[in-house]
Amino acid sequence: MEKIRCGWSEKDDLYRKYHDEEWGKPVYNDDKFFEFLILESFQAGLSWHTILKKRESFKLALDNYNYKKIAKYNEAKIEDLLSNEGIIRNKLKIFATINNAKKFQEIQKEYGSFSNYIWNFVDGKPLLNSPKTLQDVPATTEISDKISKDLKKRGFKFMGSTVVYAFMQATGLVNDHLDSCYVK
């Protein structure tokens, strides 16, 4: 019997694998949270498929998404990233990644972990939605607005409400798998 997935994931095997193994599954690991913060911020204005295809290149270019190293990137490393054809070479997004790595660590110091901080917004448990169609899935919510506002207040860049909501979906803070989806 064929598995029924959320319609957006049927583009190719890369999308299906991401949908089946990651999207909507709760994350509690700070390293994984930071990876998705980076990927979602680079995705702004682009397709998620573009980012997934470049995910391994990002991982290599950004020291395995090590926020402690990224926070210390210097001009030479920035130039190296700007010349790396395997990633999105957007100077503002690269600077935002370095900035966000520093801010991420500030949240860790304040809350003990980024996980503690971010799960507070949903009372420690995933929000389970029951969308019937892709059109029922919002681009933003009051909670993504609230998180975005708080992250911006803390100095994060490229963390608008739409990016934050996509981050919430990717990390399982919210489960937007369609009712008909086998993963639900």
Protein backbone atom coordinates (compact mmCIF):
# COMPACT_ATOMS: atom_id res chain seq x y z
CA MET A 1 0.00 0.00 0.00
CA GLU A 2 1.32 3.41 -0.98
CA LYS A 3 2.06 5.91 1.76
CA ILE A 4 0.02 9.11 1.62
CA ARG A 5 2.15 12.13 2.47
CA CYS A 6 1.59 15.85 2.70
CA GLY A 7 1.36 17.01 -0.93
CA TRP A 8 4.31 19.42 -0.76
CA SER A 9 6.70 16.54 -0.03
CA GLU A 10 6.10 14.58 -3.23
CA LYS A 11 8.50 16.67 -5.36
CA ASP A 12 11.35 14.13 -5.12
CA ASP A 13 13.10 11.65 -2.83
CA LEU A 14 14.98 14.41 -0.99
CA TYR A 15 11.69 16.04 0.01
CA ARG A 16 10.08 12.69 0.88
CA LYS A 17 13.00 11.73 3.13
CA TYR A 18 12.92 15.11 4.88
CA HIS A 19 9.13 14.89 5.33
CA ASP A 20 9.20 11.31 6.59
CA GLU A 21 12.21 11.56 8.92
CA GLU A 22 12.42 15.14 10.18
CA TRP A 23 9.60 17.58 9.47
CA GLY A 24 7.30 17.98 12.44
CA LYS A 25 9.31 15.71 14.74
CA PRO A 26 10.11 17.40 18.07
CA VAL A 27 13.70 18.59 18.45
CA TYR A 28 15.28 19.12 21.88
CA ASN A 29 18.95 19.28 20.86
CA ASP A 30 20.46 22.77 20.68
CA ASP A 31 22.82 21.81 17.84
CA LYS A 32 19.86 20.69 15.73
CA PHE A 33 17.90 23.82 16.65
CA PHE A 34 20.78 25.99 15.48
CA GLU A 35 21.09 24.06 12.22
CA PHE A 36 17.43 24.76 11.48
CA LEU A 37 17.76 28.42 12.49
CA ILE A 38 20.53 28.76 9.91
CA LEU A 39 18.74 26.84 7.18
CA GLU A 40 15.42 28.62 7.69
CA SER A 41 17.07 32.05 7.69
CA PHE A 42 18.90 31.24 4.44
CA GLN A 43 15.61 29.97 3.01
CA ALA A 44 13.94 33.38 3.34
CA GLY A 45 12.88 34.35 -0.17
CA LEU A 46 13.89 30.99 -1.65
CA SER A 47 12.37 27.52 -1.84
CA TRP A 48 12.97 24.98 0.91
CA HIS A 49 13.95 22.52 -1.82
CA THR A 50 16.88 24.80 -2.77
CA ILE A 51 18.06 24.76 0.84
CA LEU A 52 17.70 20.99 1.23
CA LYS A 53 19.81 20.45 -1.90
CA LYS A 54 22.53 22.65 -0.39
CA ARG A 55 22.23 21.32 3.17
CA GLU A 56 25.39 19.20 3.09
CA SER A 57 27.35 22.06 1.53
CA PHE A 58 26.14 24.36 4.31
CA LYS A 59 27.17 21.75 6.87
CA LEU A 60 30.70 21.61 5.45
CA ALA A 61 31.04 25.36 4.95
CA LEU A 62 29.69 26.21 8.41
CA ASP A 63 31.81 23.83 10.49
CA ASN A 64 29.01 21.30 11.02
CA TYR A 65 26.72 24.16 12.16
CA ASN A 66 28.95 24.72 15.19
CA TYR A 67 27.57 27.98 16.63
CA LYS A 68 30.59 28.45 18.89
CA LYS A 69 32.91 28.48 15.86
CA ILE A 70 30.51 30.47 13.69
CA ALA A 71 30.28 33.22 16.33
CA LYS A 72 34.04 33.74 15.91
CA TYR A 73 34.16 33.88 12.10
CA ASN A 74 36.52 36.56 10.82
CA GLU A 75 36.74 38.48 7.55
CA ALA A 76 38.77 35.73 5.86
CA LYS A 77 36.12 33.12 6.70
CA ILE A 78 33.36 35.45 5.49
CA GLU A 79 35.19 35.89 2.17
CA ASP A 80 35.57 32.11 1.95
CA LEU A 81 31.81 31.70 2.44
CA LEU A 82 31.02 34.40 -0.11
CA SER A 83 33.03 32.51 -2.72
CA ASN A 84 31.54 29.08 -1.87
CA GLU A 85 29.27 28.06 -4.74
CA GLY A 86 27.77 25.24 -2.67
CA ILE A 87 25.83 27.60 -0.41
CA ILE A 88 23.64 30.68 -0.73
CA ARG A 89 26.20 33.49 -1.04
CA ASN A 90 24.15 36.29 0.45
CA LYS A 91 26.36 38.61 2.49
CA LEU A 92 23.51 39.81 4.73
CA LYS A 93 22.48 36.22 5.53
CA ILE A 94 26.08 35.22 6.24
CA PHE A 95 26.49 38.17 8.61
CA ALA A 96 23.12 37.28 10.18
CA THR A 97 24.32 33.70 10.74
CA ILE A 98 27.38 34.93 12.63
CA ASN A 99 25.28 37.39 14.62
CA ASN A 100 22.64 34.76 15.37
CA ALA A 101 25.31 32.33 16.61
CA LYS A 102 26.32 34.91 19.23
CA LYS A 103 22.71 35.62 20.20
CA PHE A 104 21.95 31.88 20.36
CA GLN A 105 24.67 31.47 22.99
CA GLU A 106 23.27 34.40 24.98
CA ILE A 107 19.91 32.61 25.14
CA GLN A 108 21.67 29.42 26.25
CA LYS A 109 23.32 31.30 29.10
CA GLU A 110 20.03 32.84 30.17
CA TYR A 111 17.83 29.71 29.91
CA GLY A 112 20.33 26.87 30.29
CA SER A 113 19.65 25.82 26.69
CA PHE A 114 17.99 27.17 23.57
CA SER A 115 15.62 24.21 23.83
CA ASN A 116 14.36 25.44 27.21
CA TYR A 117 13.83 28.90 25.75
CA ILE A 118 11.97 27.89 22.59
CA TRP A 119 9.77 25.18 24.11
CA ASN A 120 8.48 27.74 26.64
CA PHE A 121 6.51 29.37 23.83
CA VAL A 122 4.38 26.23 23.38
CA ASP A 123 4.21 25.21 27.04
CA GLY A 124 6.71 22.41 26.50
CA LYS A 125 4.64 20.31 24.10
CA PRO A 126 4.10 20.31 20.34
CA LEU A 127 1.08 22.11 18.97
CA LEU A 128 -0.92 19.51 17.06
CA ASN A 129 -2.88 21.00 14.20
CA SER A 130 -5.25 19.05 12.00
CA PRO A 131 -5.09 20.65 8.57
CA LYS A 132 -7.22 18.95 5.94
CA THR A 133 -5.50 20.63 2.97
CA LEU A 134 -2.25 22.52 2.35
CA GLN A 135 -4.33 25.70 2.19
CA ASP A 136 -5.30 25.14 5.83
CA VAL A 137 -1.65 25.44 6.94
CA PRO A 138 -0.84 29.02 7.96
CA ALA A 139 2.34 30.91 7.05
CA THR A 140 2.38 32.60 10.47
CA THR A 141 0.53 32.40 13.77
CA GLU A 142 0.26 34.49 16.92
CA ILE A 143 2.95 32.30 18.48
CA SER A 144 5.35 32.69 15.55
CA ASP A 145 4.71 36.45 15.74
CA LYS A 146 5.55 36.37 19.45
CA ILE A 147 8.74 34.30 18.98
CA SER A 148 9.85 36.47 16.05
CA LYS A 149 9.33 39.62 18.07
CA ASP A 150 11.28 38.20 21.00
CA LEU A 151 14.16 36.97 18.81
CA LYS A 152 14.37 40.35 17.09
CA LYS A 153 14.35 42.10 20.47
CA ARG A 154 17.30 39.90 21.40
CA GLY A 155 19.14 40.98 18.23
CA PHE A 156 18.49 38.03 15.87
CA LYS A 157 18.38 38.77 12.14
CA PHE A 158 16.29 37.16 9.36
CA MET A 159 13.82 35.84 11.90
CA GLY A 160 10.52 37.21 10.68
CA SER A 161 7.29 35.45 11.62
CA THR A 162 7.14 33.38 8.40
CA VAL A 163 10.71 32.12 8.91
CA VAL A 164 9.94 31.38 12.56
CA TYR A 165 6.78 29.45 11.69
CA ALA A 166 8.71 27.33 9.17
CA PHE A 167 11.32 26.77 11.91
CA MET A 168 8.54 25.70 14.29
CA GLN A 169 7.28 23.19 11.72
CA ALA A 170 10.76 21.86 10.96
CA THR A 171 11.59 21.32 14.64
CA GLY A 172 8.25 19.88 15.74
CA LEU A 173 7.13 22.78 17.89
CA VAL A 174 4.07 22.52 15.69
CA ASN A 175 2.83 19.50 13.76
CA ASP A 176 1.18 20.54 10.51
CA HIS A 177 1.07 17.13 8.81
CA LEU A 178 -2.23 16.85 6.97
CA ASP A 179 -4.88 14.62 8.50
CA SER A 180 -4.49 12.27 5.53
CA CYS A 181 -0.70 11.98 5.98
CA TYR A 182 0.67 8.68 7.23
CA VAL A 183 3.17 10.52 9.50
CA LYS A 184 0.39 12.32 11.40
